[in-house]
Amino acid sequence: MSIGNNIKLKREQKGLNQNELAEMIGVSDKTVSSWEINRTEPKMGMIEKVVKALGCKKTDIIGADEPTTIAAHLDTDDLTEDELDDVNNYIELVKKRRNRKEETL
């Protein structure tokens, strides 16, 4: 499921309309609508505000099986392609370490 779909699902579960969520996180209802129809995606800082407002986990919004989501929400205007590759490589390294740790338990 997409980030926008996840935001909509959690917002509706919380009993909020788009305007109410928008006010809680300091954006317009048009911005929330844009996310929910997958026209745009919020950056990680905004996802953190959404998570706090909706009382859920980041993985509820970004999905646990999307390891590159973090890199997708960095301010890529300031990062080179090599730097983005480094971020993705780091994510993979952390996942491998976590998997090894789980295997030894």
PDB file of N, CA and C in Angstrom:
ATOM      1  N   MET A   1       0.844  -1.175   0.000  1.00  0.00           N
ATOM      2  CA  MET A   1       0.000   0.000   0.000  1.00  0.00           C
ATOM      3  C   MET A   1       0.891   1.241   0.000  1.00  0.00           C
ATOM      4  N   SER A   2       0.468   2.299  -0.626  1.00  0.00           N
ATOM      5  CA  SER A   2       1.267   3.516  -0.736  1.00  0.00           C
ATOM      6  C   SER A   2       1.203   4.339   0.545  1.00  0.00           C
ATOM      7  N   ILE A   3       2.135   5.259   0.680  1.00  0.00           N
ATOM      8  CA  ILE A   3       2.158   6.162   1.831  1.00  0.00           C
ATOM      9  C   ILE A   3       0.841   6.929   1.916  1.00  0.00           C
ATOM     10  N   GLY A   4       0.376   7.435   0.797  1.00  0.00           N
ATOM     11  CA  GLY A   4      -0.876   8.187   0.780  1.00  0.00           C
ATOM     12  C   GLY A   4      -2.062   7.350   1.235  1.00  0.00           C
ATOM     13  N   ASN A   5      -2.133   6.127   0.760  1.00  0.00           N
ATOM     14  CA  ASN A   5      -3.218   5.236   1.178  1.00  0.00           C
ATOM     15  C   ASN A   5      -3.134   4.942   2.669  1.00  0.00           C
ATOM     16  N   ASN A   6      -1.899   4.772   3.162  1.00  0.00           N
ATOM     17  CA  ASN A   6      -1.715   4.495   4.586  1.00  0.00           C
ATOM     18  C   ASN A   6      -2.130   5.694   5.440  1.00  0.00           C
ATOM     19  N   ILE A   7      -1.801   6.886   4.996  1.00  0.00           N
ATOM     20  CA  ILE A   7      -2.207   8.093   5.733  1.00  0.00           C
ATOM     21  C   ILE A   7      -3.729   8.174   5.781  1.00  0.00           C
ATOM     22  N   LYS A   8      -4.367   7.958   4.642  1.00  0.00           N
ATOM     23  CA  LYS A   8      -5.830   8.029   4.594  1.00  0.00           C
ATOM     24  C   LYS A   8      -6.457   6.990   5.514  1.00  0.00           C
ATOM     25  N   LEU A   9      -5.960   5.766   5.462  1.00  0.00           N
ATOM     26  CA  LEU A   9      -6.489   4.696   6.296  1.00  0.00           C
ATOM     27  C   LEU A   9      -6.373   5.049   7.778  1.00  0.00           C
ATOM     28  N   LYS A  10      -5.197   5.470   8.206  1.00  0.00           N
ATOM     29  CA  LYS A  10      -4.984   5.799   9.617  1.00  0.00           C
ATOM     30  C   LYS A  10      -5.789   7.034  10.034  1.00  0.00           C
ATOM     31  N   ARG A  11      -5.894   8.007   9.142  1.00  0.00           N
ATOM     32  CA  ARG A  11      -6.680   9.218   9.440  1.00  0.00           C
ATOM     33  C   ARG A  11      -8.138   8.842   9.659  1.00  0.00           C
ATOM     34  N   GLU A  12      -8.677   8.016   8.758  1.00  0.00           N
ATOM     35  CA  GLU A  12     -10.076   7.605   8.879  1.00  0.00           C
ATOM     36  C   GLU A  12     -10.295   6.750  10.120  1.00  0.00           C
ATOM     37  N   GLN A  13      -9.334   5.877  10.438  1.00  0.00           N
ATOM     38  CA  GLN A  13      -9.445   5.060  11.652  1.00  0.00           C
ATOM     39  C   GLN A  13      -9.481   5.937  12.903  1.00  0.00           C
ATOM     40  N   LYS A  14      -8.789   7.061  12.848  1.00  0.00           N
ATOM     41  CA  LYS A  14      -8.748   7.994  13.970  1.00  0.00           C
ATOM     42  C   LYS A  14     -10.001   8.880  14.001  1.00  0.00           C
ATOM     43  N   GLY A  15     -10.808   8.826  12.942  1.00  0.00           N
ATOM     44  CA  GLY A  15     -12.041   9.606  12.886  1.00  0.00           C
ATOM     45  C   GLY A  15     -11.820  11.071  12.541  1.00  0.00           C
ATOM     46  N   LEU A  16     -10.744  11.345  11.815  1.00  0.00           N
ATOM     47  CA  LEU A  16     -10.422  12.719  11.430  1.00  0.00           C
ATOM     48  C   LEU A  16     -10.729  12.945   9.956  1.00  0.00           C
ATOM     49  N   ASN A  17     -11.117  14.188   9.615  1.00  0.00           N
ATOM     50  CA  ASN A  17     -11.200  14.532   8.197  1.00  0.00           C
ATOM     51  C   ASN A  17      -9.869  15.153   7.785  1.00  0.00           C
ATOM     52  N   GLN A  18      -9.703  15.401   6.508  1.00  0.00           N
ATOM     53  CA  GLN A  18      -8.429  15.934   6.005  1.00  0.00           C
ATOM     54  C   GLN A  18      -8.091  17.279   6.635  1.00  0.00           C
ATOM     55  N   ASN A  19      -9.082  18.128   6.809  1.00  0.00           N
ATOM     56  CA  ASN A  19      -8.847  19.447   7.378  1.00  0.00           C
ATOM     57  C   ASN A  19      -8.351  19.350   8.818  1.00  0.00           C
ATOM     58  N   GLU A  20      -8.939  18.445   9.587  1.00  0.00           N
ATOM     59  CA  GLU A  20      -8.525  18.279  10.983  1.00  0.00           C
ATOM     60  C   GLU A  20      -7.080  17.802  11.076  1.00  0.00           C
ATOM     61  N   LEU A  21      -6.716  16.821  10.261  1.00  0.00           N
ATOM     62  CA  LEU A  21      -5.326  16.352  10.255  1.00  0.00           C
ATOM     63  C   LEU A  21      -4.397  17.473   9.816  1.00  0.00           C
ATOM     64  N   ALA A  22      -4.785  18.185   8.783  1.00  0.00           N
ATOM     65  CA  ALA A  22      -3.963  19.286   8.268  1.00  0.00           C
ATOM     66  C   ALA A  22      -3.682  20.319   9.359  1.00  0.00           C
ATOM     67  N   GLU A  23      -4.699  20.691  10.109  1.00  0.00           N
ATOM     68  CA  GLU A  23      -4.520  21.668  11.190  1.00  0.00           C
ATOM     69  C   GLU A  23      -3.583  21.140  12.266  1.00  0.00           C
ATOM     70  N   MET A  24      -3.677  19.848  12.563  1.00  0.00           N
ATOM     71  CA  MET A  24      -2.848  19.244  13.604  1.00  0.00           C
ATOM     72  C   MET A  24      -1.367  19.261  13.247  1.00  0.00           C
ATOM     73  N   ILE A  25      -1.066  19.175  11.941  1.00  0.00           N
ATOM     74  CA  ILE A  25       0.338  19.074  11.532  1.00  0.00           C
ATOM     75  C   ILE A  25       0.855  20.329  10.829  1.00  0.00           C
ATOM     76  N   GLY A  26       0.007  21.332  10.693  1.00  0.00           N
ATOM     77  CA  GLY A  26       0.453  22.606  10.150  1.00  0.00           C
ATOM     78  C   GLY A  26       0.595  22.683   8.644  1.00  0.00           C
ATOM     79  N   VAL A  27      -0.282  21.990   7.927  1.00  0.00           N
ATOM     80  CA  VAL A  27      -0.314  22.078   6.462  1.00  0.00           C
ATOM     81  C   VAL A  27      -1.749  22.356   6.036  1.00  0.00           C
ATOM     82  N   SER A  28      -1.958  22.543   4.750  1.00  0.00           N
ATOM     83  CA  SER A  28      -3.322  22.760   4.253  1.00  0.00           C
ATOM     84  C   SER A  28      -4.008  21.422   3.998  1.00  0.00           C
ATOM     85  N   ASP A  29      -5.330  21.462   3.952  1.00  0.00           N
ATOM     86  CA  ASP A  29      -6.068  20.243   3.634  1.00  0.00           C
ATOM     87  C   ASP A  29      -5.781  19.797   2.205  1.00  0.00           C
ATOM     88  N   LYS A  30      -5.409  20.735   1.351  1.00  0.00           N
ATOM     89  CA  LYS A  30      -5.040  20.385  -0.026  1.00  0.00           C
ATOM     90  C   LYS A  30      -3.763  19.547  -0.050  1.00  0.00           C
ATOM     91  N   THR A  31      -2.849  19.846   0.866  1.00  0.00           N
ATOM     92  CA  THR A  31      -1.617  19.063   0.964  1.00  0.00           C
ATOM     93  C   THR A  31      -1.931  17.640   1.385  1.00  0.00           C
ATOM     94  N   VAL A  32      -2.777  17.486   2.398  1.00  0.00           N
ATOM     95  CA  VAL A  32      -3.173  16.149   2.851  1.00  0.00           C
ATOM     96  C   VAL A  32      -3.867  15.408   1.709  1.00  0.00           C
ATOM     97  N   SER A  33      -4.738  16.082   1.004  1.00  0.00           N
ATOM     98  CA  SER A  33      -5.424  15.474  -0.130  1.00  0.00           C
ATOM     99  C   SER A  33      -4.430  15.016  -1.192  1.00  0.00           C
ATOM    100  N   SER A  34      -3.449  15.843  -1.467  1.00  0.00           N
ATOM    101  CA  SER A  34      -2.423  15.515  -2.464  1.00  0.00           C
ATOM    102  C   SER A  34      -1.656  14.249  -2.073  1.00  0.00           C
ATOM    103  N   TRP A  35      -1.367  14.113  -0.787  1.00  0.00           N
ATOM    104  CA  TRP A  35      -0.701  12.889  -0.323  1.00  0.00           C
ATOM    105  C   TRP A  35      -1.606  11.683  -0.502  1.00  0.00           C
ATOM    106  N   GLU A  36      -2.864  11.845  -0.098  1.00  0.00           N
ATOM    107  CA  GLU A  36      -3.777  10.707  -0.081  1.00  0.00           C
ATOM    108  C   GLU A  36      -4.148  10.205  -1.473  1.00  0.00           C
ATOM    109  N   ILE A  37      -4.070  11.067  -2.464  1.00  0.00           N
ATOM    110  CA  ILE A  37      -4.329  10.607  -3.837  1.00  0.00           C
ATOM    111  C   ILE A  37      -3.023  10.285  -4.557  1.00  0.00           C
ATOM    112  N   ASN A  38      -1.936  10.285  -3.797  1.00  0.00           N
ATOM    113  CA  ASN A  38      -0.612   9.897  -4.294  1.00  0.00           C
ATOM    114  C   ASN A  38      -0.079  10.823  -5.385  1.00  0.00           C
ATOM    115  N   ARG A  39      -0.488  12.081  -5.339  1.00  0.00           N
ATOM    116  CA  ARG A  39       0.066  13.069  -6.260  1.00  0.00           C
ATOM    117  C   ARG A  39       1.451  13.475  -5.787  1.00  0.00           C
ATOM    118  N   THR A  40       1.588  13.609  -4.461  1.00  0.00           N
ATOM    119  CA  THR A  40       2.872  13.927  -3.850  1.00  0.00           C
ATOM    120  C   THR A  40       3.040  13.042  -2.619  1.00  0.00           C
ATOM    121  N   GLU A  41       4.256  13.033  -2.068  1.00  0.00           N
ATOM    122  CA  GLU A  41       4.530  12.306  -0.833  1.00  0.00           C
ATOM    123  C   GLU A  41       5.160  13.257   0.171  1.00  0.00           C
ATOM    124  N   PRO A  42       4.808  13.101   1.436  1.00  0.00           N
ATOM    125  CA  PRO A  42       5.434  13.945   2.453  1.00  0.00           C
ATOM    126  C   PRO A  42       6.883  13.539   2.688  1.00  0.00           C
ATOM    127  N   LYS A  43       7.718  14.504   3.053  1.00  0.00           N
ATOM    128  CA  LYS A  43       9.096  14.195   3.437  1.00  0.00           C
ATOM    129  C   LYS A  43       9.082  13.587   4.828  1.00  0.00           C
ATOM    130  N   MET A  44      10.203  12.999   5.219  1.00  0.00           N
ATOM    131  CA  MET A  44      10.273  12.263   6.470  1.00  0.00           C
ATOM    132  C   MET A  44       9.889  13.125   7.676  1.00  0.00           C
ATOM    133  N   GLY A  45      10.312  14.366   7.716  1.00  0.00           N
ATOM    134  CA  GLY A  45       9.951  15.233   8.834  1.00  0.00           C
ATOM    135  C   GLY A  45       8.454  15.395   8.974  1.00  0.00           C
ATOM    136  N   MET A  46       7.763  15.482   7.864  1.00  0.00           N
ATOM    137  CA  MET A  46       6.310  15.613   7.893  1.00  0.00           C
ATOM    138  C   MET A  46       5.661  14.276   8.257  1.00  0.00           C
ATOM    139  N   ILE A  47       6.247  13.183   7.812  1.00  0.00           N
ATOM    140  CA  ILE A  47       5.724  11.867   8.193  1.00  0.00           C
ATOM    141  C   ILE A  47       5.769  11.715   9.707  1.00  0.00           C
ATOM    142  N   GLU A  48       6.827  12.227  10.313  1.00  0.00           N
ATOM    143  CA  GLU A  48       6.928  12.163  11.776  1.00  0.00           C
ATOM    144  C   GLU A  48       5.799  12.944  12.443  1.00  0.00           C
ATOM    145  N   LYS A  49       5.418  14.082  11.881  1.00  0.00           N
ATOM    146  CA  LYS A  49       4.290  14.847  12.426  1.00  0.00           C
ATOM    147  C   LYS A  49       2.977  14.089  12.235  1.00  0.00           C
ATOM    148  N   VAL A  50       2.812  13.459  11.079  1.00  0.00           N
ATOM    149  CA  VAL A  50       1.602  12.682  10.790  1.00  0.00           C
ATOM    150  C   VAL A  50       1.487  11.529  11.785  1.00  0.00           C
ATOM    151  N   VAL A  51       2.598  10.835  11.990  1.00  0.00           N
ATOM    152  CA  VAL A  51       2.626   9.702  12.918  1.00  0.00           C
ATOM    153  C   VAL A  51       2.218  10.146  14.321  1.00  0.00           C
ATOM    154  N   LYS A  52       2.766  11.265  14.765  1.00  0.00           N
ATOM    155  CA  LYS A  52       2.443  11.777  16.104  1.00  0.00           C
ATOM    156  C   LYS A  52       0.958  12.146  16.188  1.00  0.00           C
ATOM    157  N   ALA A  53       0.459  12.814  15.165  1.00  0.00           N
ATOM    158  CA  ALA A  53      -0.949  13.241  15.161  1.00  0.00           C
ATOM    159  C   ALA A  53      -1.899  12.045  15.125  1.00  0.00           C
ATOM    160  N   LEU A  54      -1.519  11.002  14.403  1.00  0.00           N
ATOM    161  CA  LEU A  54      -2.399   9.853  14.248  1.00  0.00           C
ATOM    162  C   LEU A  54      -2.160   8.769  15.296  1.00  0.00           C
ATOM    163  N   GLY A  55      -1.119   8.957  16.102  1.00  0.00           N
ATOM    164  CA  GLY A  55      -0.840   7.983  17.158  1.00  0.00           C
ATOM    165  C   GLY A  55      -0.501   6.608  16.634  1.00  0.00           C
ATOM    166  N   CYS A  56       0.327   6.565  15.588  1.00  0.00           N
ATOM    167  CA  CYS A  56       0.708   5.286  15.004  1.00  0.00           C
ATOM    168  C   CYS A  56       2.223   5.221  14.853  1.00  0.00           C
ATOM    169  N   LYS A  57       2.720   4.154  14.261  1.00  0.00           N
ATOM    170  CA  LYS A  57       4.156   3.978  14.036  1.00  0.00           C
ATOM    171  C   LYS A  57       4.508   4.427  12.619  1.00  0.00           C
ATOM    172  N   LYS A  58       5.769   4.789  12.427  1.00  0.00           N
ATOM    173  CA  LYS A  58       6.222   5.178  11.081  1.00  0.00           C
ATOM    174  C   LYS A  58       5.986   4.060  10.078  1.00  0.00           C
ATOM    175  N   THR A  59       6.210   2.820  10.510  1.00  0.00           N
ATOM    176  CA  THR A  59       6.014   1.704   9.579  1.00  0.00           C
ATOM    177  C   THR A  59       4.555   1.564   9.155  1.00  0.00           C
ATOM    178  N   ASP A  60       3.628   2.071   9.987  1.00  0.00           N
ATOM    179  CA  ASP A  60       2.215   2.071   9.581  1.00  0.00           C
ATOM    180  C   ASP A  60       1.995   2.991   8.386  1.00  0.00           C
ATOM    181  N   ILE A  61       2.825   4.008   8.274  1.00  0.00           N
ATOM    182  CA  ILE A  61       2.695   4.983   7.186  1.00  0.00           C
ATOM    183  C   ILE A  61       3.598   4.630   6.009  1.00  0.00           C
ATOM    184  N   ILE A  62       4.880   4.372   6.277  1.00  0.00           N
ATOM    185  CA  ILE A  62       5.803   4.145   5.159  1.00  0.00           C
ATOM    186  C   ILE A  62       5.885   2.690   4.740  1.00  0.00           C
ATOM    187  N   GLY A  63       5.396   1.788   5.571  1.00  0.00           N
ATOM    188  CA  GLY A  63       5.448   0.370   5.241  1.00  0.00           C
ATOM    189  C   GLY A  63       6.765  -0.231   5.685  1.00  0.00           C
ATOM    190  N   ALA A  64       6.706  -1.379   6.305  1.00  0.00           N
ATOM    191  CA  ALA A  64       7.902  -2.031   6.833  1.00  0.00           C
ATOM    192  C   ALA A  64       8.753  -2.649   5.746  1.00  0.00           C
ATOM    193  N   ASP A  65       8.182  -2.913   4.595  1.00  0.00           N
ATOM    194  CA  ASP A  65       8.917  -3.609   3.544  1.00  0.00           C
ATOM    195  C   ASP A  65       9.461  -2.666   2.480  1.00  0.00           C
ATOM    196  N   GLU A  66       9.590  -1.391   2.797  1.00  0.00           N
ATOM    197  CA  GLU A  66      10.087  -0.416   1.838  1.00  0.00           C
ATOM    198  C   GLU A  66      11.356   0.248   2.360  1.00  0.00           C
ATOM    199  N   PRO A  67      12.508  -0.475   2.320  1.00  0.00           N
ATOM    200  CA  PRO A  67      13.733   0.064   2.909  1.00  0.00           C
ATOM    201  C   PRO A  67      14.259   1.315   2.237  1.00  0.00           C
ATOM    202  N   THR A  68      13.901   1.578   0.995  1.00  0.00           N
ATOM    203  CA  THR A  68      14.420   2.763   0.328  1.00  0.00           C
ATOM    204  C   THR A  68      13.552   3.990   0.572  1.00  0.00           C
ATOM    205  N   THR A  69      12.462   3.837   1.299  1.00  0.00           N
ATOM    206  CA  THR A  69      11.575   4.966   1.547  1.00  0.00           C
ATOM    207  C   THR A  69      12.302   6.111   2.230  1.00  0.00           C
ATOM    208  N   ILE A  70      13.185   5.800   3.160  1.00  0.00           N
ATOM    209  CA  ILE A  70      13.910   6.845   3.865  1.00  0.00           C
ATOM    210  C   ILE A  70      14.707   7.683   2.864  1.00  0.00           C
ATOM    211  N   ALA A  71      15.439   7.044   2.004  1.00  0.00           N
ATOM    212  CA  ALA A  71      16.232   7.777   1.014  1.00  0.00           C
ATOM    213  C   ALA A  71      15.330   8.585   0.083  1.00  0.00           C
ATOM    214  N   ALA A  72      14.156   8.062  -0.206  1.00  0.00           N
ATOM    215  CA  ALA A  72      13.244   8.762  -1.096  1.00  0.00           C
ATOM    216  C   ALA A  72      12.729  10.058  -0.497  1.00  0.00           C
ATOM    217  N   HIS A  73      12.797  10.182   0.827  1.00  0.00           N
ATOM    218  CA  HIS A  73      12.260  11.364   1.486  1.00  0.00           C
ATOM    219  C   HIS A  73      13.332  12.311   2.009  1.00  0.00           C
ATOM    220  N   LEU A  74      14.585  12.022   1.703  1.00  0.00           N
ATOM    221  CA  LEU A  74      15.641  12.959   2.049  1.00  0.00           C
ATOM    222  C   LEU A  74      15.553  14.154   1.110  1.00  0.00           C
ATOM    223  N   ASP A  75      16.120  15.255   1.522  1.00  0.00           N
ATOM    224  CA  ASP A  75      16.165  16.417   0.641  1.00  0.00           C
ATOM    225  C   ASP A  75      17.211  16.153  -0.427  1.00  0.00           C
ATOM    226  N   THR A  76      16.775  15.506  -1.502  1.00  0.00           N
ATOM    227  CA  THR A  76      17.708  15.054  -2.524  1.00  0.00           C
ATOM    228  C   THR A  76      18.344  16.192  -3.305  1.00  0.00           C
ATOM    229  N   ASP A  77      17.837  17.404  -3.154  1.00  0.00           N
ATOM    230  CA  ASP A  77      18.471  18.530  -3.835  1.00  0.00           C
ATOM    231  C   ASP A  77      19.889  18.750  -3.329  1.00  0.00           C
ATOM    232  N   ASP A  78      20.138  18.335  -2.078  1.00  0.00           N
ATOM    233  CA  ASP A  78      21.446  18.547  -1.475  1.00  0.00           C
ATOM    234  C   ASP A  78      22.338  17.318  -1.543  1.00  0.00           C
ATOM    235  N   LEU A  79      21.854  16.212  -2.110  1.00  0.00           N
ATOM    236  CA  LEU A  79      22.621  14.981  -2.153  1.00  0.00           C
ATOM    237  C   LEU A  79      22.940  14.577  -3.585  1.00  0.00           C
ATOM    238  N   THR A  80      24.151  14.068  -3.759  1.00  0.00           N
ATOM    239  CA  THR A  80      24.528  13.538  -5.066  1.00  0.00           C
ATOM    240  C   THR A  80      23.992  12.120  -5.198  1.00  0.00           C
ATOM    241  N   GLU A  81      24.046  11.588  -6.379  1.00  0.00           N
ATOM    242  CA  GLU A  81      23.610  10.210  -6.590  1.00  0.00           C
ATOM    243  C   GLU A  81      24.464   9.241  -5.782  1.00  0.00           C
ATOM    244  N   ASP A  82      25.756   9.510  -5.695  1.00  0.00           N
ATOM    245  CA  ASP A  82      26.639   8.658  -4.894  1.00  0.00           C
ATOM    246  C   ASP A  82      26.243   8.691  -3.422  1.00  0.00           C
ATOM    247  N   GLU A  83      25.882   9.859  -2.921  1.00  0.00           N
ATOM    248  CA  GLU A  83      25.464   9.967  -1.524  1.00  0.00           C
ATOM    249  C   GLU A  83      24.163   9.210  -1.282  1.00  0.00           C
ATOM    250  N   LEU A  84      23.237   9.281  -2.221  1.00  0.00           N
ATOM    251  CA  LEU A  84      21.996   8.515  -2.093  1.00  0.00           C
ATOM    252  C   LEU A  84      22.278   7.015  -2.115  1.00  0.00           C
ATOM    253  N   ASP A  85      23.220   6.602  -2.966  1.00  0.00           N
ATOM    254  CA  ASP A  85      23.623   5.197  -2.981  1.00  0.00           C
ATOM    255  C   ASP A  85      24.207   4.794  -1.629  1.00  0.00           C
ATOM    256  N   ASP A  86      24.985   5.685  -1.023  1.00  0.00           N
ATOM    257  CA  ASP A  86      25.547   5.404   0.301  1.00  0.00           C
ATOM    258  C   ASP A  86      24.437   5.203   1.331  1.00  0.00           C
ATOM    259  N   VAL A  87      23.405   6.037   1.262  1.00  0.00           N
ATOM    260  CA  VAL A  87      22.286   5.896   2.191  1.00  0.00           C
ATOM    261  C   VAL A  87      21.616   4.540   1.996  1.00  0.00           C
ATOM    262  N   ASN A  88      21.356   4.181   0.757  1.00  0.00           N
ATOM    263  CA  ASN A  88      20.722   2.887   0.485  1.00  0.00           C
ATOM    264  C   ASN A  88      21.614   1.728   0.923  1.00  0.00           C
ATOM    265  N   ASN A  89      22.912   1.849   0.701  1.00  0.00           N
ATOM    266  CA  ASN A  89      23.846   0.799   1.133  1.00  0.00           C
ATOM    267  C   ASN A  89      23.853   0.671   2.653  1.00  0.00           C
ATOM    268  N   TYR A  90      23.779   1.798   3.334  1.00  0.00           N
ATOM    269  CA  TYR A  90      23.735   1.769   4.793  1.00  0.00           C
ATOM    270  C   TYR A  90      22.466   1.064   5.284  1.00  0.00           C
ATOM    271  N   ILE A  91      21.358   1.354   4.649  1.00  0.00           N
ATOM    272  CA  ILE A  91      20.102   0.699   5.015  1.00  0.00           C
ATOM    273  C   ILE A  91      20.238  -0.816   4.865  1.00  0.00           C
ATOM    274  N   GLU A  92      20.821  -1.242   3.761  1.00  0.00           N
ATOM    275  CA  GLU A  92      21.009  -2.677   3.535  1.00  0.00           C
ATOM    276  C   GLU A  92      21.942  -3.285   4.582  1.00  0.00           C
ATOM    277  N   LEU A  93      22.994  -2.573   4.960  1.00  0.00           N
ATOM    278  CA  LEU A  93      23.923  -3.041   5.983  1.00  0.00           C
ATOM    279  C   LEU A  93      23.199  -3.227   7.324  1.00  0.00           C
ATOM    280  N   VAL A  94      22.394  -2.251   7.698  1.00  0.00           N
ATOM    281  CA  VAL A  94      21.645  -2.343   8.957  1.00  0.00           C
ATOM    282  C   VAL A  94      20.693  -3.536   8.919  1.00  0.00           C
ATOM    283  N   LYS A  95      20.032  -3.751   7.794  1.00  0.00           N
ATOM    284  CA  LYS A  95      19.120  -4.893   7.672  1.00  0.00           C
ATOM    285  C   LYS A  95      19.874  -6.211   7.815  1.00  0.00           C
ATOM    286  N   LYS A  96      21.045  -6.311   7.185  1.00  0.00           N
ATOM    287  CA  LYS A  96      21.835  -7.543   7.278  1.00  0.00           C
ATOM    288  C   LYS A  96      22.280  -7.791   8.713  1.00  0.00           C
ATOM    289  N   ARG A  97      22.732  -6.745   9.385  1.00  0.00           N
ATOM    290  CA  ARG A  97      23.148  -6.894  10.785  1.00  0.00           C
ATOM    291  C   ARG A  97      21.982  -7.340  11.657  1.00  0.00           C
ATOM    292  N   ARG A  98      20.829  -6.747  11.433  1.00  0.00           N
ATOM    293  CA  ARG A  98      19.644  -7.115  12.208  1.00  0.00           C
ATOM    294  C   ARG A  98      19.272  -8.571  11.954  1.00  0.00           C
ATOM    295  N   ASN A  99      19.343  -8.987  10.696  1.00  0.00           N
ATOM    296  CA  ASN A  99      19.014 -10.377  10.363  1.00  0.00           C
ATOM    297  C   ASN A  99      19.986 -11.339  11.013  1.00  0.00           C
ATOM    298  N   ARG A 100      21.294 -11.002  10.999  1.00  0.00           N
ATOM    299  CA  ARG A 100      22.297 -11.861  11.642  1.00  0.00           C
ATOM    300  C   ARG A 100      22.042 -11.945  13.140  1.00  0.00           C
ATOM    301  N   LYS A 101      21.688 -10.825  13.737  1.00  0.00           N
ATOM    302  CA  LYS A 101      21.413 -10.790  15.165  1.00  0.00           C
ATOM    303  C   LYS A 101      20.218 -11.681  15.499  1.00  0.00           C
ATOM    304  N   GLU A 102      19.189 -11.609  14.679  1.00  0.00           N
ATOM    305  CA  GLU A 102      17.991 -12.427  14.899  1.00  0.00           C
ATOM    306  C   GLU A 102      18.286 -13.903  14.731  1.00  0.00           C
ATOM    307  N   GLU A 103      19.193 -14.236  13.794  1.00  0.00           N
ATOM    308  CA  GLU A 103      19.545 -15.638  13.561  1.00  0.00           C
ATOM    309  C   GLU A 103      20.287 -16.247  14.733  1.00  0.00           C
ATOM    310  N   THR A 104      21.037 -15.422  15.468  1.00  0.00           N
ATOM    311  CA  THR A 104      21.807 -15.941  16.596  1.00  0.00           C
ATOM    312  C   THR A 104      21.002 -16.058  17.866  1.00  0.00           C
ATOM    313  N   LEU A 105      19.808 -15.505  17.870  1.00  0.00           N
ATOM    314  CA  LEU A 105      18.964 -15.576  19.082  1.00  0.00           C
ATOM    315  C   LEU A 105      18.312 -16.907  19.252  1.00  0.00           C
TER     316      LEU A 105
END
